[in-house]
Amino acid sequence: MKSVREKRKLEAKTKSKSLTKQKLQPKYEALSIAKYLFSLDPERKYFNDAKMAKTESNLTKTLVGNFRINQILYLLQIFYYVKKHKFLFEDDLYAWDNGFMVYDVYRHFWTLYNGKWFGEQVENIRDKETKDFLNKYFNYFKQYSVKDLEEFCHEDPAWIETWQEEKKEPKVEFSPDTLAFYENFLDNRLQYIEQNQ
């Protein structure tokens, strides 16, 4: 006879498989989300242009703001999944030495930084529910240091699986096990953020 925990894990795995196949039609592109997040930091105190210090895990000279926007997007993606059982944005995430990256956001960092919003090419966030989610979770995660964000990413099973496989293209695939992990591990933090932000 299976324990309650095993049954939940199997249910989550089954549910995750079907969710992964559909990718559940995310509402937005990552650039739309990034555009909105940059609007929450008009003075660029958080998404700044300082260079990160070289470390053992960070071999490139990434800008702090570019690193932060990409890590925040990754966190928003997984927390939105835990909350809604679908992804927030449709873009792929990639595993890099110091964390996760959305290629279009990484590539267009300076355009976002300088407040050039691509005109009508990048959709605005229109619905209140998504704005409320972004405001709440951005305000929670912006407290974390660069080092904390990097450590959080390096402990993520999707990053570990992708990075250890040494693929030519470090595209992250969210396996059913990883999605079940998020649901089990992050549920308490999700509840904390919902109640305290």
C-alpha atoms as a PDB file:
ATOM      1  CA  MET A   1       0.000   0.000   0.000  1.00  0.00           C
ATOM      2  CA  LYS A   2       1.347   3.422  -0.976  1.00  0.00           C
ATOM      3  CA  SER A   3       1.814   6.157   1.586  1.00  0.00           C
ATOM      4  CA  VAL A   4       0.028   9.491   1.226  1.00  0.00           C
ATOM      5  CA  ARG A   5       3.347  11.108   0.316  1.00  0.00           C
ATOM      6  CA  GLU A   6       4.012   8.558  -2.452  1.00  0.00           C
ATOM      7  CA  LYS A   7       0.473   9.050  -3.811  1.00  0.00           C
ATOM      8  CA  ARG A   8       0.950  12.832  -3.872  1.00  0.00           C
ATOM      9  CA  LYS A   9       4.284  12.465  -5.605  1.00  0.00           C
ATOM     10  CA  LEU A  10       2.756  10.154  -8.229  1.00  0.00           C
ATOM     11  CA  GLU A  11      -0.196  12.548  -8.727  1.00  0.00           C
ATOM     12  CA  ALA A  12       2.186  15.495  -9.082  1.00  0.00           C
ATOM     13  CA  LYS A  13       4.335  13.531 -11.519  1.00  0.00           C
ATOM     14  CA  THR A  14       1.315  12.567 -13.641  1.00  0.00           C
ATOM     15  CA  LYS A  15      -0.047  16.106 -13.533  1.00  0.00           C
ATOM     16  CA  SER A  16       3.380  17.545 -14.363  1.00  0.00           C
ATOM     17  CA  LYS A  17       3.743  15.302 -17.422  1.00  0.00           C
ATOM     18  CA  SER A  18       0.547  16.582 -18.946  1.00  0.00           C
ATOM     19  CA  LEU A  19       1.412  20.175 -17.993  1.00  0.00           C
ATOM     20  CA  THR A  20       4.862  19.903 -19.493  1.00  0.00           C
ATOM     21  CA  LYS A  21       3.487  18.612 -22.798  1.00  0.00           C
ATOM     22  CA  GLN A  22       1.078  21.507 -23.157  1.00  0.00           C
ATOM     23  CA  LYS A  23       3.354  24.125 -21.571  1.00  0.00           C
ATOM     24  CA  LEU A  24      -0.033  25.568 -20.661  1.00  0.00           C
ATOM     25  CA  GLN A  25       0.020  28.583 -22.927  1.00  0.00           C
ATOM     26  CA  PRO A  26       1.873  31.158 -20.882  1.00  0.00           C
ATOM     27  CA  LYS A  27       0.382  34.623 -20.884  1.00  0.00           C
ATOM     28  CA  TYR A  28       3.436  36.627 -21.869  1.00  0.00           C
ATOM     29  CA  GLU A  29       6.917  36.701 -23.335  1.00  0.00           C
ATOM     30  CA  ALA A  30       9.797  37.153 -20.894  1.00  0.00           C
ATOM     31  CA  LEU A  31      10.584  40.586 -22.397  1.00  0.00           C
ATOM     32  CA  SER A  32       7.114  41.783 -21.355  1.00  0.00           C
ATOM     33  CA  ILE A  33       7.726  40.604 -17.808  1.00  0.00           C
ATOM     34  CA  ALA A  34      11.212  42.170 -17.793  1.00  0.00           C
ATOM     35  CA  LYS A  35       9.830  45.447 -19.126  1.00  0.00           C
ATOM     36  CA  TYR A  36       7.341  45.550 -16.258  1.00  0.00           C
ATOM     37  CA  LEU A  37      10.003  44.667 -13.666  1.00  0.00           C
ATOM     38  CA  PHE A  38      12.282  47.441 -14.929  1.00  0.00           C
ATOM     39  CA  SER A  39       9.371  49.849 -14.502  1.00  0.00           C
ATOM     40  CA  LEU A  40       9.377  48.921 -10.779  1.00  0.00           C
ATOM     41  CA  ASP A  41      13.004  50.114 -10.548  1.00  0.00           C
ATOM     42  CA  PRO A  42      13.011  53.487 -12.352  1.00  0.00           C
ATOM     43  CA  GLU A  43      16.226  54.679 -10.680  1.00  0.00           C
ATOM     44  CA  ARG A  44      18.026  51.413 -11.577  1.00  0.00           C
ATOM     45  CA  LYS A  45      19.154  50.799  -8.010  1.00  0.00           C
ATOM     46  CA  TYR A  46      18.348  47.095  -8.266  1.00  0.00           C
ATOM     47  CA  PHE A  47      18.854  46.441 -11.972  1.00  0.00           C
ATOM     48  CA  ASN A  48      22.085  48.414 -12.041  1.00  0.00           C
ATOM     49  CA  ASP A  49      25.028  48.397 -14.427  1.00  0.00           C
ATOM     50  CA  ALA A  50      27.763  47.405 -11.949  1.00  0.00           C
ATOM     51  CA  LYS A  51      29.948  44.451 -12.923  1.00  0.00           C
ATOM     52  CA  MET A  52      29.847  41.279 -10.877  1.00  0.00           C
ATOM     53  CA  ALA A  53      33.062  40.173  -9.256  1.00  0.00           C
ATOM     54  CA  LYS A  54      34.722  37.159 -10.826  1.00  0.00           C
ATOM     55  CA  THR A  55      34.309  34.067  -8.710  1.00  0.00           C
ATOM     56  CA  GLU A  56      34.840  30.353  -9.119  1.00  0.00           C
ATOM     57  CA  SER A  57      31.276  29.947 -10.404  1.00  0.00           C
ATOM     58  CA  ASN A  58      31.082  33.261 -12.261  1.00  0.00           C
ATOM     59  CA  LEU A  59      33.758  33.276 -14.913  1.00  0.00           C
ATOM     60  CA  THR A  60      32.203  35.995 -17.049  1.00  0.00           C
ATOM     61  CA  LYS A  61      31.885  39.712 -16.375  1.00  0.00           C
ATOM     62  CA  THR A  62      28.120  39.787 -16.136  1.00  0.00           C
ATOM     63  CA  LEU A  63      26.429  43.005 -15.079  1.00  0.00           C
ATOM     64  CA  VAL A  64      24.685  42.813 -11.713  1.00  0.00           C
ATOM     65  CA  GLY A  65      21.417  44.106 -13.186  1.00  0.00           C
ATOM     66  CA  ASN A  66      21.477  41.598 -16.031  1.00  0.00           C
ATOM     67  CA  PHE A  67      22.163  38.767 -13.609  1.00  0.00           C
ATOM     68  CA  ARG A  68      19.385  39.922 -11.285  1.00  0.00           C
ATOM     69  CA  ILE A  69      16.711  40.318 -13.974  1.00  0.00           C
ATOM     70  CA  ASN A  70      17.429  36.822 -15.264  1.00  0.00           C
ATOM     71  CA  GLN A  71      17.403  35.223 -11.810  1.00  0.00           C
ATOM     72  CA  ILE A  72      14.210  37.066 -10.877  1.00  0.00           C
ATOM     73  CA  LEU A  73      12.596  35.810 -14.104  1.00  0.00           C
ATOM     74  CA  TYR A  74      13.607  32.247 -13.237  1.00  0.00           C
ATOM     75  CA  LEU A  75      12.177  32.590  -9.716  1.00  0.00           C
ATOM     76  CA  LEU A  76       8.966  34.134 -11.025  1.00  0.00           C
ATOM     77  CA  GLN A  77       8.624  31.304 -13.532  1.00  0.00           C
ATOM     78  CA  ILE A  78       8.864  28.539 -10.931  1.00  0.00           C
ATOM     79  CA  PHE A  79       6.776  30.297  -8.276  1.00  0.00           C
ATOM     80  CA  TYR A  80       4.088  31.113 -10.834  1.00  0.00           C
ATOM     81  CA  TYR A  81       4.103  27.451 -11.819  1.00  0.00           C
ATOM     82  CA  VAL A  82       3.687  26.358  -8.184  1.00  0.00           C
ATOM     83  CA  LYS A  83       0.852  28.838  -7.697  1.00  0.00           C
ATOM     84  CA  LYS A  84      -1.006  28.464 -11.019  1.00  0.00           C
ATOM     85  CA  HIS A  85       0.241  25.147 -12.461  1.00  0.00           C
ATOM     86  CA  LYS A  86       1.300  26.892 -15.630  1.00  0.00           C
ATOM     87  CA  PHE A  87       4.264  28.947 -16.718  1.00  0.00           C
ATOM     88  CA  LEU A  88       4.306  32.742 -16.620  1.00  0.00           C
ATOM     89  CA  PHE A  89       6.233  33.237 -19.859  1.00  0.00           C
ATOM     90  CA  GLU A  90       6.917  31.146 -22.921  1.00  0.00           C
ATOM     91  CA  ASP A  91      10.651  31.729 -23.381  1.00  0.00           C
ATOM     92  CA  ASP A  92      13.172  29.020 -22.601  1.00  0.00           C
ATOM     93  CA  LEU A  93      15.560  29.281 -19.675  1.00  0.00           C
ATOM     94  CA  TYR A  94      19.226  28.369 -20.065  1.00  0.00           C
ATOM     95  CA  ALA A  95      21.665  27.198 -17.400  1.00  0.00           C
ATOM     96  CA  TRP A  96      24.867  29.236 -17.280  1.00  0.00           C
ATOM     97  CA  ASP A  97      27.783  29.151 -14.880  1.00  0.00           C
ATOM     98  CA  ASN A  98      26.253  31.638 -12.444  1.00  0.00           C
ATOM     99  CA  GLY A  99      22.561  30.784 -12.780  1.00  0.00           C
ATOM    100  CA  PHE A 100      19.686  30.945 -15.216  1.00  0.00           C
ATOM    101  CA  MET A 101      19.257  33.124 -18.269  1.00  0.00           C
ATOM    102  CA  VAL A 102      16.484  34.033 -20.700  1.00  0.00           C
ATOM    103  CA  TYR A 103      18.394  34.722 -23.898  1.00  0.00           C
ATOM    104  CA  ASP A 104      16.252  37.593 -25.260  1.00  0.00           C
ATOM    105  CA  VAL A 105      16.283  39.391 -21.927  1.00  0.00           C
ATOM    106  CA  TYR A 106      20.036  38.903 -21.516  1.00  0.00           C
ATOM    107  CA  ARG A 107      20.622  40.149 -25.062  1.00  0.00           C
ATOM    108  CA  HIS A 108      18.326  43.185 -24.707  1.00  0.00           C
ATOM    109  CA  PHE A 109      19.467  44.220 -21.238  1.00  0.00           C
ATOM    110  CA  TRP A 110      20.691  47.669 -22.336  1.00  0.00           C
ATOM    111  CA  THR A 111      17.463  48.403 -24.188  1.00  0.00           C
ATOM    112  CA  LEU A 112      15.500  47.526 -21.045  1.00  0.00           C
ATOM    113  CA  TYR A 113      17.955  49.391 -18.807  1.00  0.00           C
ATOM    114  CA  ASN A 114      17.683  52.569 -20.885  1.00  0.00           C
ATOM    115  CA  GLY A 115      13.889  52.402 -20.873  1.00  0.00           C
ATOM    116  CA  LYS A 116      13.514  51.819 -24.577  1.00  0.00           C
ATOM    117  CA  TRP A 117      10.530  49.520 -24.532  1.00  0.00           C
ATOM    118  CA  PHE A 118      10.550  48.254 -28.133  1.00  0.00           C
ATOM    119  CA  GLY A 119       7.393  50.214 -28.948  1.00  0.00           C
ATOM    120  CA  GLU A 120       4.434  47.941 -29.521  1.00  0.00           C
ATOM    121  CA  GLN A 121       6.646  44.920 -30.230  1.00  0.00           C
ATOM    122  CA  VAL A 122       6.696  44.000 -26.539  1.00  0.00           C
ATOM    123  CA  GLU A 123       3.295  43.594 -24.971  1.00  0.00           C
ATOM    124  CA  ASN A 124       2.505  45.450 -21.763  1.00  0.00           C
ATOM    125  CA  ILE A 125       1.320  43.550 -18.710  1.00  0.00           C
ATOM    126  CA  ARG A 126      -2.349  44.410 -18.672  1.00  0.00           C
ATOM    127  CA  ASP A 127      -4.116  42.223 -16.143  1.00  0.00           C
ATOM    128  CA  LYS A 128      -4.193  43.165 -12.477  1.00  0.00           C
ATOM    129  CA  GLU A 129      -3.659  39.588 -11.263  1.00  0.00           C
ATOM    130  CA  THR A 130      -0.315  39.292 -13.071  1.00  0.00           C
ATOM    131  CA  LYS A 131       0.788  42.766 -11.955  1.00  0.00           C
ATOM    132  CA  ASP A 132      -0.070  41.922  -8.343  1.00  0.00           C
ATOM    133  CA  PHE A 133       1.897  38.679  -8.595  1.00  0.00           C
ATOM    134  CA  LEU A 134       4.932  40.451 -10.107  1.00  0.00           C
ATOM    135  CA  ASN A 135       4.850  43.266  -7.541  1.00  0.00           C
ATOM    136  CA  LYS A 136       4.574  40.916  -4.585  1.00  0.00           C
ATOM    137  CA  TYR A 137       7.280  38.472  -5.661  1.00  0.00           C
ATOM    138  CA  PHE A 138       9.676  41.125  -6.963  1.00  0.00           C
ATOM    139  CA  ASN A 139       9.442  42.967  -3.637  1.00  0.00           C
ATOM    140  CA  TYR A 140      10.187  39.716  -1.816  1.00  0.00           C
ATOM    141  CA  PHE A 141      13.104  38.534  -3.964  1.00  0.00           C
ATOM    142  CA  LYS A 142      14.815  41.898  -4.379  1.00  0.00           C
ATOM    143  CA  GLN A 143      15.934  41.555  -0.748  1.00  0.00           C
ATOM    144  CA  TYR A 144      18.210  38.674  -1.733  1.00  0.00           C
ATOM    145  CA  SER A 145      21.866  39.376  -2.441  1.00  0.00           C
ATOM    146  CA  VAL A 146      23.549  38.384  -5.692  1.00  0.00           C
ATOM    147  CA  LYS A 147      25.268  35.570  -3.792  1.00  0.00           C
ATOM    148  CA  ASP A 148      21.933  34.319  -2.394  1.00  0.00           C
ATOM    149  CA  LEU A 149      20.352  34.335  -5.850  1.00  0.00           C
ATOM    150  CA  GLU A 150      23.315  32.461  -7.286  1.00  0.00           C
ATOM    151  CA  GLU A 151      23.237  29.839  -4.514  1.00  0.00           C
ATOM    152  CA  PHE A 152      19.485  29.382  -4.914  1.00  0.00           C
ATOM    153  CA  CYS A 153      19.998  28.717  -8.630  1.00  0.00           C
ATOM    154  CA  HIS A 154      22.900  26.339  -8.070  1.00  0.00           C
ATOM    155  CA  GLU A 155      20.740  24.252  -5.733  1.00  0.00           C
ATOM    156  CA  ASP A 156      17.883  24.038  -8.214  1.00  0.00           C
ATOM    157  CA  PRO A 157      17.474  20.523  -9.704  1.00  0.00           C
ATOM    158  CA  ALA A 158      16.760  21.900 -13.198  1.00  0.00           C
ATOM    159  CA  TRP A 159      20.034  23.855 -13.188  1.00  0.00           C
ATOM    160  CA  ILE A 160      21.957  20.877 -11.755  1.00  0.00           C
ATOM    161  CA  GLU A 161      20.534  18.431 -14.320  1.00  0.00           C
ATOM    162  CA  THR A 162      21.250  20.770 -17.223  1.00  0.00           C
ATOM    163  CA  TRP A 163      24.701  21.841 -16.052  1.00  0.00           C
ATOM    164  CA  GLN A 164      25.866  18.307 -15.238  1.00  0.00           C
ATOM    165  CA  GLU A 165      24.797  16.964 -18.627  1.00  0.00           C
ATOM    166  CA  GLU A 166      27.218  19.360 -20.344  1.00  0.00           C
ATOM    167  CA  LYS A 167      24.963  19.843 -23.326  1.00  0.00           C
ATOM    168  CA  LYS A 168      26.029  21.872 -26.319  1.00  0.00           C
ATOM    169  CA  GLU A 169      22.929  23.969 -25.720  1.00  0.00           C
ATOM    170  CA  PRO A 170      22.270  24.438 -22.000  1.00  0.00           C
ATOM    171  CA  LYS A 171      18.494  24.711 -22.444  1.00  0.00           C
ATOM    172  CA  VAL A 172      16.624  23.842 -19.260  1.00  0.00           C
ATOM    173  CA  GLU A 173      13.972  21.153 -19.489  1.00  0.00           C
ATOM    174  CA  PHE A 174      11.609  21.037 -16.546  1.00  0.00           C
ATOM    175  CA  SER A 175      11.206  17.323 -15.938  1.00  0.00           C
ATOM    176  CA  PRO A 176       8.144  15.952 -14.122  1.00  0.00           C
ATOM    177  CA  ASP A 177      10.396  15.201 -11.131  1.00  0.00           C
ATOM    178  CA  THR A 178      11.641  18.791 -11.066  1.00  0.00           C
ATOM    179  CA  LEU A 179       8.121  20.205 -11.259  1.00  0.00           C
ATOM    180  CA  ALA A 180       7.037  17.875  -8.440  1.00  0.00           C
ATOM    181  CA  PHE A 181      10.077  19.029  -6.434  1.00  0.00           C
ATOM    182  CA  TYR A 182       9.033  22.676  -6.898  1.00  0.00           C
ATOM    183  CA  GLU A 183       5.502  21.932  -5.749  1.00  0.00           C
ATOM    184  CA  ASN A 184       6.699  20.098  -2.633  1.00  0.00           C
ATOM    185  CA  PHE A 185       9.692  22.242  -1.710  1.00  0.00           C
ATOM    186  CA  LEU A 186       8.420  25.717  -2.573  1.00  0.00           C
ATOM    187  CA  ASP A 187       4.838  25.459  -1.374  1.00  0.00           C
ATOM    188  CA  ASN A 188       5.694  26.699   2.155  1.00  0.00           C
ATOM    189  CA  ARG A 189       7.684  29.646   0.827  1.00  0.00           C
ATOM    190  CA  LEU A 190       4.852  30.465  -1.571  1.00  0.00           C
ATOM    191  CA  GLN A 191       2.415  30.579   1.336  1.00  0.00           C
ATOM    192  CA  TYR A 192       4.819  32.766   3.343  1.00  0.00           C
ATOM    193  CA  ILE A 193       5.176  35.266   0.481  1.00  0.00           C
ATOM    194  CA  GLU A 194       1.427  35.321  -0.112  1.00  0.00           C
ATOM    195  CA  GLN A 195       0.766  36.105   3.551  1.00  0.00           C
ATOM    196  CA  ASN A 196       3.626  38.539   4.212  1.00  0.00           C
ATOM    197  CA  GLN A 197       4.102  40.665   1.111  1.00  0.00           C
END
